[in-house]
PDB file of N, CA and C in Angstrom:
ATOM      1  N   MET A   1      25.421  21.827 -21.853  1.00  0.00           N
ATOM      2  CA  MET A   1      25.921  23.100 -22.327  1.00  0.00           C
ATOM      3  C   MET A   1      26.647  22.866 -23.650  1.00  0.00           C
ATOM      4  N   HIS A   2      25.961  23.150 -24.759  1.00  0.00           N
ATOM      5  CA  HIS A   2      26.569  22.908 -26.054  1.00  0.00           C
ATOM      6  C   HIS A   2      27.509  24.024 -26.488  1.00  0.00           C
ATOM      7  N   GLU A   3      27.597  25.092 -25.725  1.00  0.00           N
ATOM      8  CA  GLU A   3      28.501  26.172 -26.077  1.00  0.00           C
ATOM      9  C   GLU A   3      29.954  25.706 -26.087  1.00  0.00           C
ATOM     10  N   LEU A   4      30.300  24.724 -25.246  1.00  0.00           N
ATOM     11  CA  LEU A   4      31.661  24.197 -25.255  1.00  0.00           C
ATOM     12  C   LEU A   4      31.950  23.520 -26.588  1.00  0.00           C
ATOM     13  N   SER A   5      31.017  22.727 -27.098  1.00  0.00           N
ATOM     14  CA  SER A   5      31.244  22.076 -28.390  1.00  0.00           C
ATOM     15  C   SER A   5      31.282  23.108 -29.515  1.00  0.00           C
ATOM     16  N   VAL A   6      30.501  24.169 -29.403  1.00  0.00           N
ATOM     17  CA  VAL A   6      30.557  25.251 -30.392  1.00  0.00           C
ATOM     18  C   VAL A   6      31.932  25.910 -30.347  1.00  0.00           C
ATOM     19  N   ALA A   7      32.423  26.213 -29.148  1.00  0.00           N
ATOM     20  CA  ALA A   7      33.739  26.832 -29.001  1.00  0.00           C
ATOM     21  C   ALA A   7      34.838  25.921 -29.554  1.00  0.00           C
ATOM     22  N   MET A   8      34.719  24.630 -29.289  1.00  0.00           N
ATOM     23  CA  MET A   8      35.718  23.686 -29.814  1.00  0.00           C
ATOM     24  C   MET A   8      35.663  23.625 -31.347  1.00  0.00           C
ATOM     25  N   GLY A   9      34.482  23.736 -31.913  1.00  0.00           N
ATOM     26  CA  GLY A   9      34.343  23.791 -33.369  1.00  0.00           C
ATOM     27  C   GLY A   9      34.993  25.034 -33.940  1.00  0.00           C
ATOM     28  N   ILE A  10      34.842  26.150 -33.257  1.00  0.00           N
ATOM     29  CA  ILE A  10      35.486  27.393 -33.685  1.00  0.00           C
ATOM     30  C   ILE A  10      37.003  27.253 -33.624  1.00  0.00           C
ATOM     31  N   VAL A  11      37.511  26.625 -32.576  1.00  0.00           N
ATOM     32  CA  VAL A  11      38.949  26.376 -32.457  1.00  0.00           C
ATOM     33  C   VAL A  11      39.432  25.527 -33.628  1.00  0.00           C
ATOM     34  N   LYS A  12      38.693  24.498 -33.981  1.00  0.00           N
ATOM     35  CA  LYS A  12      39.071  23.612 -35.095  1.00  0.00           C
ATOM     36  C   LYS A  12      39.141  24.402 -36.401  1.00  0.00           C
ATOM     37  N   ILE A  13      38.148  25.246 -36.649  1.00  0.00           N
ATOM     38  CA  ILE A  13      38.155  26.075 -37.859  1.00  0.00           C
ATOM     39  C   ILE A  13      39.372  26.987 -37.859  1.00  0.00           C
ATOM     40  N   ALA A  14      39.647  27.637 -36.727  1.00  0.00           N
ATOM     41  CA  ALA A  14      40.791  28.546 -36.634  1.00  0.00           C
ATOM     42  C   ALA A  14      42.109  27.810 -36.842  1.00  0.00           C
ATOM     43  N   GLU A  15      42.234  26.626 -36.263  1.00  0.00           N
ATOM     44  CA  GLU A  15      43.468  25.859 -36.440  1.00  0.00           C
ATOM     45  C   GLU A  15      43.646  25.431 -37.888  1.00  0.00           C
ATOM     46  N   ASP A  16      42.580  24.982 -38.528  1.00  0.00           N
ATOM     47  CA  ASP A  16      42.655  24.576 -39.937  1.00  0.00           C
ATOM     48  C   ASP A  16      43.046  25.753 -40.831  1.00  0.00           C
ATOM     49  N   GLU A  17      42.423  26.908 -40.602  1.00  0.00           N
ATOM     50  CA  GLU A  17      42.706  28.076 -41.443  1.00  0.00           C
ATOM     51  C   GLU A  17      44.097  28.644 -41.170  1.00  0.00           C
ATOM     52  N   THR A  18      44.547  28.578 -39.933  1.00  0.00           N
ATOM     53  CA  THR A  18      45.895  29.043 -39.594  1.00  0.00           C
ATOM     54  C   THR A  18      46.937  28.156 -40.278  1.00  0.00           C
ATOM     55  N   LYS A  19      46.688  26.859 -40.259  1.00  0.00           N
ATOM     56  CA  LYS A  19      47.598  25.929 -40.930  1.00  0.00           C
ATOM     57  C   LYS A  19      47.605  26.179 -42.435  1.00  0.00           C
ATOM     58  N   ARG A  20      46.425  26.394 -43.007  1.00  0.00           N
ATOM     59  CA  ARG A  20      46.318  26.639 -44.446  1.00  0.00           C
ATOM     60  C   ARG A  20      47.069  27.912 -44.837  1.00  0.00           C
ATOM     61  N   ALA A  21      47.030  28.931 -43.969  1.00  0.00           N
ATOM     62  CA  ALA A  21      47.720  30.197 -44.237  1.00  0.00           C
ATOM     63  C   ALA A  21      49.202  30.135 -43.876  1.00  0.00           C
ATOM     64  N   GLU A  22      49.646  28.989 -43.367  1.00  0.00           N
ATOM     65  CA  GLU A  22      51.018  28.796 -42.929  1.00  0.00           C
ATOM     66  C   GLU A  22      51.412  29.848 -41.888  1.00  0.00           C
ATOM     67  N   ALA A  23      50.491  30.107 -40.974  1.00  0.00           N
ATOM     68  CA  ALA A  23      50.716  31.061 -39.888  1.00  0.00           C
ATOM     69  C   ALA A  23      50.860  30.284 -38.584  1.00  0.00           C
ATOM     70  N   GLU A  24      51.191  31.006 -37.520  1.00  0.00           N
ATOM     71  CA  GLU A  24      51.420  30.371 -36.228  1.00  0.00           C
ATOM     72  C   GLU A  24      50.294  30.577 -35.229  1.00  0.00           C
ATOM     73  N   ARG A  25      49.658  31.757 -35.308  1.00  0.00           N
ATOM     74  CA  ARG A  25      48.608  32.034 -34.333  1.00  0.00           C
ATOM     75  C   ARG A  25      47.623  33.051 -34.891  1.00  0.00           C
ATOM     76  N   VAL A  26      46.516  33.166 -34.195  1.00  0.00           N
ATOM     77  CA  VAL A  26      45.469  34.114 -34.563  1.00  0.00           C
ATOM     78  C   VAL A  26      45.545  35.297 -33.608  1.00  0.00           C
ATOM     79  N   THR A  27      45.501  36.507 -34.156  1.00  0.00           N
ATOM     80  CA  THR A  27      45.501  37.694 -33.304  1.00  0.00           C
ATOM     81  C   THR A  27      44.077  38.215 -33.059  1.00  0.00           C
ATOM     82  N   VAL A  28      43.211  38.053 -34.053  1.00  0.00           N
ATOM     83  CA  VAL A  28      41.820  38.495 -33.937  1.00  0.00           C
ATOM     84  C   VAL A  28      40.926  37.466 -34.602  1.00  0.00           C
ATOM     85  N   ILE A  29      39.833  37.121 -33.938  1.00  0.00           N
ATOM     86  CA  ILE A  29      38.813  36.277 -34.540  1.00  0.00           C
ATOM     87  C   ILE A  29      37.489  37.023 -34.472  1.00  0.00           C
ATOM     88  N   GLU A  30      36.811  37.102 -35.609  1.00  0.00           N
ATOM     89  CA  GLU A  30      35.514  37.771 -35.676  1.00  0.00           C
ATOM     90  C   GLU A  30      34.445  36.715 -35.917  1.00  0.00           C
ATOM     91  N   LEU A  31      33.472  36.697 -35.018  1.00  0.00           N
ATOM     92  CA  LEU A  31      32.372  35.744 -35.112  1.00  0.00           C
ATOM     93  C   LEU A  31      31.082  36.488 -35.424  1.00  0.00           C
ATOM     94  N   GLU A  32      30.197  35.824 -36.140  1.00  0.00           N
ATOM     95  CA  GLU A  32      28.867  36.360 -36.418  1.00  0.00           C
ATOM     96  C   GLU A  32      27.870  35.359 -35.850  1.00  0.00           C
ATOM     97  N   ILE A  33      27.111  35.797 -34.845  1.00  0.00           N
ATOM     98  CA  ILE A  33      26.184  34.897 -34.163  1.00  0.00           C
ATOM     99  C   ILE A  33      24.807  35.550 -34.112  1.00  0.00           C
ATOM    100  N   GLY A  34      23.820  34.824 -34.597  1.00  0.00           N
ATOM    101  CA  GLY A  34      22.455  35.328 -34.588  1.00  0.00           C
ATOM    102  C   GLY A  34      21.781  35.083 -33.255  1.00  0.00           C
ATOM    103  N   ARG A  35      20.851  35.965 -32.920  1.00  0.00           N
ATOM    104  CA  ARG A  35      20.098  35.826 -31.670  1.00  0.00           C
ATOM    105  C   ARG A  35      19.246  34.552 -31.660  1.00  0.00           C
ATOM    106  N   LEU A  36      18.940  34.005 -32.825  1.00  0.00           N
ATOM    107  CA  LEU A  36      18.106  32.808 -32.921  1.00  0.00           C
ATOM    108  C   LEU A  36      18.932  31.538 -33.082  1.00  0.00           C
ATOM    109  N   ALA A  37      20.254  31.639 -32.935  1.00  0.00           N
ATOM    110  CA  ALA A  37      21.142  30.496 -33.153  1.00  0.00           C
ATOM    111  C   ALA A  37      21.159  29.525 -31.971  1.00  0.00           C
ATOM    112  N   GLY A  38      20.547  29.892 -30.882  1.00  0.00           N
ATOM    113  CA  GLY A  38      20.518  29.015 -29.713  1.00  0.00           C
ATOM    114  C   GLY A  38      21.783  29.060 -28.885  1.00  0.00           C
ATOM    115  N   ILE A  39      22.537  30.139 -29.018  1.00  0.00           N
ATOM    116  CA  ILE A  39      23.784  30.290 -28.268  1.00  0.00           C
ATOM    117  C   ILE A  39      23.538  31.232 -27.095  1.00  0.00           C
ATOM    118  N   GLU A  40      23.923  30.792 -25.917  1.00  0.00           N
ATOM    119  CA  GLU A  40      23.895  31.652 -24.735  1.00  0.00           C
ATOM    120  C   GLU A  40      25.252  32.362 -24.681  1.00  0.00           C
ATOM    121  N   PHE A  41      25.238  33.663 -24.895  1.00  0.00           N
ATOM    122  CA  PHE A  41      26.481  34.416 -24.988  1.00  0.00           C
ATOM    123  C   PHE A  41      27.291  34.359 -23.693  1.00  0.00           C
ATOM    124  N   GLU A  42      26.633  34.402 -22.555  1.00  0.00           N
ATOM    125  CA  GLU A  42      27.345  34.307 -21.277  1.00  0.00           C
ATOM    126  C   GLU A  42      28.005  32.940 -21.120  1.00  0.00           C
ATOM    127  N   SER A  43      27.338  31.894 -21.555  1.00  0.00           N
ATOM    128  CA  SER A  43      27.918  30.550 -21.478  1.00  0.00           C
ATOM    129  C   SER A  43      29.108  30.415 -22.415  1.00  0.00           C
ATOM    130  N   LEU A  44      29.006  30.994 -23.605  1.00  0.00           N
ATOM    131  CA  LEU A  44      30.127  30.955 -24.541  1.00  0.00           C
ATOM    132  C   LEU A  44      31.333  31.687 -23.955  1.00  0.00           C
ATOM    133  N   ASP A  45      31.087  32.839 -23.358  1.00  0.00           N
ATOM    134  CA  ASP A  45      32.179  33.584 -22.709  1.00  0.00           C
ATOM    135  C   ASP A  45      32.795  32.779 -21.564  1.00  0.00           C
ATOM    136  N   PHE A  46      31.965  32.033 -20.840  1.00  0.00           N
ATOM    137  CA  PHE A  46      32.442  31.233 -19.711  1.00  0.00           C
ATOM    138  C   PHE A  46      33.351  30.099 -20.164  1.00  0.00           C
ATOM    139  N   VAL A  47      32.983  29.392 -21.234  1.00  0.00           N
ATOM    140  CA  VAL A  47      33.768  28.228 -21.676  1.00  0.00           C
ATOM    141  C   VAL A  47      34.935  28.612 -22.586  1.00  0.00           C
ATOM    142  N   TRP A  48      34.919  29.834 -23.112  1.00  0.00           N
ATOM    143  CA  TRP A  48      35.939  30.248 -24.092  1.00  0.00           C
ATOM    144  C   TRP A  48      37.374  30.068 -23.591  1.00  0.00           C
ATOM    145  N   PRO A  49      37.741  30.535 -22.392  1.00  0.00           N
ATOM    146  CA  PRO A  49      39.136  30.382 -21.951  1.00  0.00           C
ATOM    147  C   PRO A  49      39.602  28.919 -21.918  1.00  0.00           C
ATOM    148  N   ALA A  50      38.751  28.024 -21.480  1.00  0.00           N
ATOM    149  CA  ALA A  50      39.131  26.603 -21.437  1.00  0.00           C
ATOM    150  C   ALA A  50      39.237  26.017 -22.838  1.00  0.00           C
ATOM    151  N   ALA A  51      38.350  26.434 -23.738  1.00  0.00           N
ATOM    152  CA  ALA A  51      38.351  25.888 -25.097  1.00  0.00           C
ATOM    153  C   ALA A  51      39.574  26.325 -25.896  1.00  0.00           C
ATOM    154  N   VAL A  52      40.052  27.547 -25.670  1.00  0.00           N
ATOM    155  CA  VAL A  52      41.155  28.073 -26.481  1.00  0.00           C
ATOM    156  C   VAL A  52      42.529  27.889 -25.840  1.00  0.00           C
ATOM    157  N   LYS A  53      42.573  27.382 -24.617  1.00  0.00           N
ATOM    158  CA  LYS A  53      43.858  27.198 -23.936  1.00  0.00           C
ATOM    159  C   LYS A  53      44.771  26.287 -24.763  1.00  0.00           C
ATOM    160  N   ASN A  54      46.015  26.738 -24.948  1.00  0.00           N
ATOM    161  CA  ASN A  54      47.037  25.996 -25.706  1.00  0.00           C
ATOM    162  C   ASN A  54      46.652  25.772 -27.166  1.00  0.00           C
ATOM    163  N   THR A  55      45.896  26.702 -27.743  1.00  0.00           N
ATOM    164  CA  THR A  55      45.542  26.627 -29.167  1.00  0.00           C
ATOM    165  C   THR A  55      45.984  27.917 -29.851  1.00  0.00           C
ATOM    166  N   VAL A  56      45.773  28.002 -31.156  1.00  0.00           N
ATOM    167  CA  VAL A  56      46.127  29.204 -31.910  1.00  0.00           C
ATOM    168  C   VAL A  56      45.276  30.401 -31.495  1.00  0.00           C
ATOM    169  N   LEU A  57      44.196  30.162 -30.778  1.00  0.00           N
ATOM    170  CA  LEU A  57      43.302  31.234 -30.344  1.00  0.00           C
ATOM    171  C   LEU A  57      43.552  31.714 -28.918  1.00  0.00           C
ATOM    172  N   GLU A  58      44.525  31.122 -28.235  1.00  0.00           N
ATOM    173  CA  GLU A  58      44.702  31.405 -26.813  1.00  0.00           C
ATOM    174  C   GLU A  58      44.840  32.897 -26.508  1.00  0.00           C
ATOM    175  N   HIS A  59      45.545  33.638 -27.329  1.00  0.00           N
ATOM    176  CA  HIS A  59      45.760  35.057 -27.059  1.00  0.00           C
ATOM    177  C   HIS A  59      45.026  35.959 -28.052  1.00  0.00           C
ATOM    178  N   ALA A  60      44.110  35.387 -28.799  1.00  0.00           N
ATOM    179  CA  ALA A  60      43.385  36.156 -29.816  1.00  0.00           C
ATOM    180  C   ALA A  60      42.299  37.021 -29.190  1.00  0.00           C
ATOM    181  N   GLU A  61      42.107  38.170 -29.806  1.00  0.00           N
ATOM    182  CA  GLU A  61      40.985  39.028 -29.427  1.00  0.00           C
ATOM    183  C   GLU A  61      39.737  38.479 -30.107  1.00  0.00           C
ATOM    184  N   LYS A  62      38.681  38.270 -29.328  1.00  0.00           N
ATOM    185  CA  LYS A  62      37.430  37.727 -29.864  1.00  0.00           C
ATOM    186  C   LYS A  62      36.439  38.866 -30.038  1.00  0.00           C
ATOM    187  N   LYS A  63      35.927  39.014 -31.264  1.00  0.00           N
ATOM    188  CA  LYS A  63      34.904  40.017 -31.554  1.00  0.00           C
ATOM    189  C   LYS A  63      33.662  39.280 -32.035  1.00  0.00           C
ATOM    190  N   ILE A  64      32.520  39.656 -31.475  1.00  0.00           N
ATOM    191  CA  ILE A  64      31.267  39.018 -31.861  1.00  0.00           C
ATOM    192  C   ILE A  64      30.316  40.063 -32.420  1.00  0.00           C
ATOM    193  N   GLU A  65      29.853  39.820 -33.637  1.00  0.00           N
ATOM    194  CA  GLU A  65      28.804  40.634 -34.232  1.00  0.00           C
ATOM    195  C   GLU A  65      27.493  39.882 -34.035  1.00  0.00           C
ATOM    196  N   VAL A  66      26.580  40.469 -33.300  1.00  0.00           N
ATOM    197  CA  VAL A  66      25.301  39.830 -33.014  1.00  0.00           C
ATOM    198  C   VAL A  66      24.294  40.254 -34.080  1.00  0.00           C
ATOM    199  N   LYS A  67      23.679  39.265 -34.718  1.00  0.00           N
ATOM    200  CA  LYS A  67      22.675  39.528 -35.753  1.00  0.00           C
ATOM    201  C   LYS A  67      21.291  39.366 -35.139  1.00  0.00           C
ATOM    202  N   GLU A  68      20.493  40.401 -35.248  1.00  0.00           N
ATOM    203  CA  GLU A  68      19.127  40.360 -34.730  1.00  0.00           C
ATOM    204  C   GLU A  68      18.259  39.466 -35.613  1.00  0.00           C
ATOM    205  N   GLY A  69      17.200  38.946 -35.037  1.00  0.00           N
ATOM    206  CA  GLY A  69      16.281  38.104 -35.796  1.00  0.00           C
ATOM    207  C   GLY A  69      15.372  38.923 -36.684  1.00  0.00           C
ATOM    208  N   LEU A  70      15.294  38.542 -37.949  1.00  0.00           N
ATOM    209  CA  LEU A  70      14.388  39.176 -38.904  1.00  0.00           C
ATOM    210  C   LEU A  70      13.612  38.088 -39.632  1.00  0.00           C
ATOM    211  N   ALA A  71      12.351  38.388 -39.894  1.00  0.00           N
ATOM    212  CA  ALA A  71      11.509  37.444 -40.630  1.00  0.00           C
ATOM    213  C   ALA A  71      10.686  38.205 -41.648  1.00  0.00           C
ATOM    214  N   LYS A  72      10.218  37.467 -42.664  1.00  0.00           N
ATOM    215  CA  LYS A  72       9.319  38.029 -43.673  1.00  0.00           C
ATOM    216  C   LYS A  72       8.020  37.249 -43.622  1.00  0.00           C
ATOM    217  N   CYS A  73       6.927  37.968 -43.448  1.00  0.00           N
ATOM    218  CA  CYS A  73       5.609  37.342 -43.356  1.00  0.00           C
ATOM    219  C   CYS A  73       5.236  36.717 -44.703  1.00  0.00           C
ATOM    220  N   ALA A  74       4.772  35.483 -44.663  1.00  0.00           N
ATOM    221  CA  ALA A  74       4.368  34.788 -45.885  1.00  0.00           C
ATOM    222  C   ALA A  74       3.010  35.272 -46.387  1.00  0.00           C
ATOM    223  N   ASP A  75       2.236  35.933 -45.537  1.00  0.00           N
ATOM    224  CA  ASP A  75       0.907  36.396 -45.938  1.00  0.00           C
ATOM    225  C   ASP A  75       0.898  37.831 -46.454  1.00  0.00           C
ATOM    226  N   CYS A  76       1.610  38.739 -45.764  1.00  0.00           N
ATOM    227  CA  CYS A  76       1.547  40.155 -46.172  1.00  0.00           C
ATOM    228  C   CYS A  76       2.887  40.733 -46.607  1.00  0.00           C
ATOM    229  N   ASP A  77       3.941  39.929 -46.620  1.00  0.00           N
ATOM    230  CA  ASP A  77       5.288  40.329 -47.045  1.00  0.00           C
ATOM    231  C   ASP A  77       5.965  41.359 -46.146  1.00  0.00           C
ATOM    232  N   GLU A  78       5.431  41.594 -44.961  1.00  0.00           N
ATOM    233  CA  GLU A  78       6.052  42.505 -43.993  1.00  0.00           C
ATOM    234  C   GLU A  78       7.360  41.885 -43.483  1.00  0.00           C
ATOM    235  N   VAL A  79       8.421  42.679 -43.432  1.00  0.00           N
ATOM    236  CA  VAL A  79       9.674  42.258 -42.817  1.00  0.00           C
ATOM    237  C   VAL A  79       9.691  42.843 -41.408  1.00  0.00           C
ATOM    238  N   PHE A  80       9.932  41.984 -40.411  1.00  0.00           N
ATOM    239  CA  PHE A  80       9.831  42.431 -39.025  1.00  0.00           C
ATOM    240  C   PHE A  80      10.855  41.721 -38.151  1.00  0.00           C
ATOM    241  N   LYS A  81      11.174  42.361 -37.017  1.00  0.00           N
ATOM    242  CA  LYS A  81      12.101  41.788 -36.045  1.00  0.00           C
ATOM    243  C   LYS A  81      11.402  40.703 -35.244  1.00  0.00           C
ATOM    244  N   ILE A  82      12.151  39.643 -34.933  1.00  0.00           N
ATOM    245  CA  ILE A  82      11.622  38.592 -34.073  1.00  0.00           C
ATOM    246  C   ILE A  82      12.635  38.289 -32.978  1.00  0.00           C
ATOM    247  N   GLN A  83      12.112  37.967 -31.813  1.00  0.00           N
ATOM    248  CA  GLN A  83      12.942  37.555 -30.687  1.00  0.00           C
ATOM    249  C   GLN A  83      12.964  36.034 -30.563  1.00  0.00           C
ATOM    250  N   GLN A  84      11.863  35.405 -30.968  1.00  0.00           N
ATOM    251  CA  GLN A  84      11.693  33.949 -30.897  1.00  0.00           C
ATOM    252  C   GLN A  84      11.135  33.464 -32.231  1.00  0.00           C
ATOM    253  N   PHE A  85      11.329  32.183 -32.520  1.00  0.00           N
ATOM    254  CA  PHE A  85      10.833  31.623 -33.774  1.00  0.00           C
ATOM    255  C   PHE A  85       9.313  31.682 -33.887  1.00  0.00           C
ATOM    256  N   TYR A  86       8.608  31.682 -32.766  1.00  0.00           N
ATOM    257  CA  TYR A  86       7.154  31.647 -32.802  1.00  0.00           C
ATOM    258  C   TYR A  86       6.509  33.037 -32.800  1.00  0.00           C
ATOM    259  N   ASP A  87       7.276  34.105 -32.874  1.00  0.00           N
ATOM    260  CA  ASP A  87       6.700  35.453 -32.928  1.00  0.00           C
ATOM    261  C   ASP A  87       5.858  35.603 -34.200  1.00  0.00           C
ATOM    262  N   SER A  88       4.728  36.261 -34.056  1.00  0.00           N
ATOM    263  CA  SER A  88       3.837  36.453 -35.206  1.00  0.00           C
ATOM    264  C   SER A  88       4.063  37.823 -35.846  1.00  0.00           C
ATOM    265  N   CYS A  89       3.542  37.986 -37.029  1.00  0.00           N
ATOM    266  CA  CYS A  89       3.679  39.228 -37.780  1.00  0.00           C
ATOM    267  C   CYS A  89       2.957  40.356 -37.041  1.00  0.00           C
ATOM    268  N   PRO A  90       3.614  41.490 -36.832  1.00  0.00           N
ATOM    269  CA  PRO A  90       2.961  42.597 -36.137  1.00  0.00           C
ATOM    270  C   PRO A  90       1.898  43.289 -36.985  1.00  0.00           C
ATOM    271  N   SER A  91       1.924  43.096 -38.300  1.00  0.00           N
ATOM    272  CA  SER A  91       0.956  43.751 -39.179  1.00  0.00           C
ATOM    273  C   SER A  91      -0.343  42.970 -39.326  1.00  0.00           C
ATOM    274  N   CYS A  92      -0.204  41.636 -39.521  1.00  0.00           N
ATOM    275  CA  CYS A  92      -1.415  40.842 -39.799  1.00  0.00           C
ATOM    276  C   CYS A  92      -1.619  39.686 -38.819  1.00  0.00           C
ATOM    277  N   SER A  93      -0.725  39.526 -37.863  1.00  0.00           N
ATOM    278  CA  SER A  93      -0.782  38.479 -36.823  1.00  0.00           C
ATOM    279  C   SER A  93      -0.594  37.059 -37.351  1.00  0.00           C
ATOM    280  N   SER A  94      -0.172  36.926 -38.584  1.00  0.00           N
ATOM    281  CA  SER A  94       0.074  35.603 -39.149  1.00  0.00           C
ATOM    282  C   SER A  94       1.295  34.968 -38.488  1.00  0.00           C
ATOM    283  N   ASN A  95       1.262  33.655 -38.371  1.00  0.00           N
ATOM    284  CA  ASN A  95       2.423  32.917 -37.865  1.00  0.00           C
ATOM    285  C   ASN A  95       3.248  32.322 -38.989  1.00  0.00           C
ATOM    286  N   LEU A  96       2.831  32.520 -40.225  1.00  0.00           N
ATOM    287  CA  LEU A  96       3.565  31.993 -41.381  1.00  0.00           C
ATOM    288  C   LEU A  96       4.628  33.000 -41.786  1.00  0.00           C
ATOM    289  N   LYS A  97       5.873  32.587 -41.663  1.00  0.00           N
ATOM    290  CA  LYS A  97       6.976  33.498 -41.957  1.00  0.00           C
ATOM    291  C   LYS A  97       8.204  32.717 -42.387  1.00  0.00           C
ATOM    292  N   VAL A  98       9.131  33.449 -42.976  1.00  0.00           N
ATOM    293  CA  VAL A  98      10.439  32.903 -43.327  1.00  0.00           C
ATOM    294  C   VAL A  98      11.469  33.704 -42.532  1.00  0.00           C
ATOM    295  N   VAL A  99      12.289  33.011 -41.779  1.00  0.00           N
ATOM    296  CA  VAL A  99      13.355  33.686 -41.033  1.00  0.00           C
ATOM    297  C   VAL A  99      14.450  34.037 -42.025  1.00  0.00           C
ATOM    298  N   ILE A 100      14.767  35.323 -42.121  1.00  0.00           N
ATOM    299  CA  ILE A 100      15.763  35.771 -43.097  1.00  0.00           C
ATOM    300  C   ILE A 100      17.084  36.191 -42.448  1.00  0.00           C
ATOM    301  N   GLN A 101      17.093  36.322 -41.136  1.00  0.00           N
ATOM    302  CA  GLN A 101      18.330  36.676 -40.433  1.00  0.00           C
ATOM    303  C   GLN A 101      18.184  36.311 -38.968  1.00  0.00           C
ATOM    304  N   GLY A 102      19.302  35.906 -38.367  1.00  0.00           N
ATOM    305  CA  GLY A 102      19.313  35.663 -36.940  1.00  0.00           C
ATOM    306  C   GLY A 102      19.732  34.267 -36.541  1.00  0.00           C
ATOM    307  N   LYS A 103      19.880  33.359 -37.519  1.00  0.00           N
ATOM    308  CA  LYS A 103      20.294  31.983 -37.214  1.00  0.00           C
ATOM    309  C   LYS A 103      21.783  31.761 -37.464  1.00  0.00           C
ATOM    310  N   GLU A 104      22.504  32.827 -37.813  1.00  0.00           N
ATOM    311  CA  GLU A 104      23.915  32.699 -38.176  1.00  0.00           C
ATOM    312  C   GLU A 104      24.776  32.201 -37.018  1.00  0.00           C
ATOM    313  N   LEU A 105      25.758  31.428 -37.376  1.00  0.00           N
ATOM    314  CA  LEU A 105      26.802  31.005 -36.437  1.00  0.00           C
ATOM    315  C   LEU A 105      28.020  30.705 -37.300  1.00  0.00           C
ATOM    316  N   ARG A 106      28.861  31.728 -37.478  1.00  0.00           N
ATOM    317  CA  ARG A 106      29.993  31.556 -38.386  1.00  0.00           C
ATOM    318  C   ARG A 106      31.212  32.342 -37.937  1.00  0.00           C
ATOM    319  N   VAL A 107      32.360  31.834 -38.391  1.00  0.00           N
ATOM    320  CA  VAL A 107      33.609  32.569 -38.230  1.00  0.00           C
ATOM    321  C   VAL A 107      33.667  33.513 -39.420  1.00  0.00           C
ATOM    322  N   LYS A 108      33.581  34.794 -39.140  1.00  0.00           N
ATOM    323  CA  LYS A 108      33.538  35.805 -40.199  1.00  0.00           C
ATOM    324  C   LYS A 108      34.928  36.139 -40.721  1.00  0.00           C
ATOM    325  N   ALA A 109      35.896  36.257 -39.816  1.00  0.00           N
ATOM    326  CA  ALA A 109      37.258  36.617 -40.228  1.00  0.00           C
ATOM    327  C   ALA A 109      38.267  36.200 -39.181  1.00  0.00           C
ATOM    328  N   LEU A 110      39.479  35.962 -39.654  1.00  0.00           N
ATOM    329  CA  LEU A 110      40.621  35.662 -38.784  1.00  0.00           C
ATOM    330  C   LEU A 110      41.785  36.531 -39.210  1.00  0.00           C
ATOM    331  N   GLU A 111      42.481  37.095 -38.247  1.00  0.00           N
ATOM    332  CA  GLU A 111      43.753  37.757 -38.520  1.00  0.00           C
ATOM    333  C   GLU A 111      44.836  36.864 -37.956  1.00  0.00           C
ATOM    334  N   VAL A 112      45.756  36.435 -38.807  1.00  0.00           N
ATOM    335  CA  VAL A 112      46.796  35.491 -38.401  1.00  0.00           C
ATOM    336  C   VAL A 112      48.173  36.089 -38.602  1.00  0.00           C
ATOM    337  N   VAL A 113      49.121  35.590 -37.810  1.00  0.00           N
ATOM    338  CA  VAL A 113      50.528  35.982 -37.961  1.00  0.00           C
ATOM    339  C   VAL A 113      51.403  34.748 -37.903  1.00  0.00           C
TER     340      VAL A 113
END
């Protein structure tokens, strides 16, 4: 379950940024996670309390913006939604594409006090 290591990485980022801002704790953390990032949202929710215990994130409100998968067909330039990396273009059935959205995994914002 790599969601624990992802959560610990988020804690590290929050602690570093809180220290840089000379603050004591985080009140809100906003995450941006793509559907193609390989994160199981239920697993992340499960490990979150253990990962943030006794950290600057312990009492923070967690907000997640989920980014849907989007790709652009390399053959016909159609932009289309994808659920999996191997989804083909709905217009021309080509498998050649560039993923343009959905792989994100980032801390978008922190509110600190």
